[in-house]
Amino acid sequence: MKKGLLLIAAIIFIAFNSNAQLALDDFQDGNIDGWLHISPTFASYNTTWHINEYSGEYTLRASCYDGTDNHATEQWAVSPSFSTPASGTITLEFDNDQNYNPYQDLEAYYSTDFAGDSASFMTSTWTQITGLTLSTGGWTVVHSTNDISATAGNSNVYIAFKYVSTNDAGGVWDVDNVQVTVSSSVNDITTSAKLFPNPATSVLNIQSEVNISNITVANVIGQRVLNVNNLNTNNYKLELNTLTNGVYLININNVDGTSAVAKFVKK
């Protein structure tokens, strides 16, 4: 995926002129580490979303059939948290398919006040994402692209998929290739910053035109690995000693509400 970064003399001048990936999970590692599974209503049959494998392809699946009967369930799968920049178009994309006449359509939600644990789930605000493109059955896979720009400027954003069944109707829903991206055109550039050296070994220098409020670093699958708050400086040295070698996405939020996203390499 293109990151739209202009590299000059090993310094990245950050500008939103294409897509940057904030979170991703294609489940091809066969696990759902970091996802939280909640069944808030039907505790008597506490089945949850799980990994399904077919011909080497892995998906996130919800069903309610035990081999004999359907069961009344309410199953939520909540993504790991990710941060969003203050500007740009933020988009959720995912593939989905279904079969066996599900009780109701798959639903998707986001939250910016969820604390990341089951105890806070019921007291958090979950906003339904409307306009999903959903499979009509027969295991037909379709792709859904949905604007979630309302989440902009938050350091903890969560995506959730919801499945509901009854004792009489269940069916199966699969979700795959979940990604969240941010994009903007050249005309939407709100700030610029410099990162150097890149690649970096132990320290990444960050210089911004305005004072920086906070910095978040995520790995290539969207998991937050570094977070620095309450900076109020336009020149900061980010310590990288806790990071393993690899590619990272850095989200820089400034005190004036502007932000920037860029890619850097730790070696």
Foldseek 3Di string as FASTA:
>chain_A
DDPPWDADPQKTKFWFAFKDWQAKDQCLVVAQPQKDKDWPPCPVQRDEWHWDDDPSGIWTKDWQDPPDFGAWTKMKIKHHWTAAALDFWKKKKKKKAWAQAAPDDKWKWKFQPAPSDPVCVVVTDTHTFPDFDYYPYPRDMDMGMGTPSVRHPGGTMMMMMIGGHHRVGIIMMTIGTITMMGHDRRVPTDWIWIWDNFQDEFKIKIATPFFWAKKWKAAPRNHTDDIGGRGRHRIDIDTCVVPDWDKMKMWTAHPVRGIGIDMGTYD
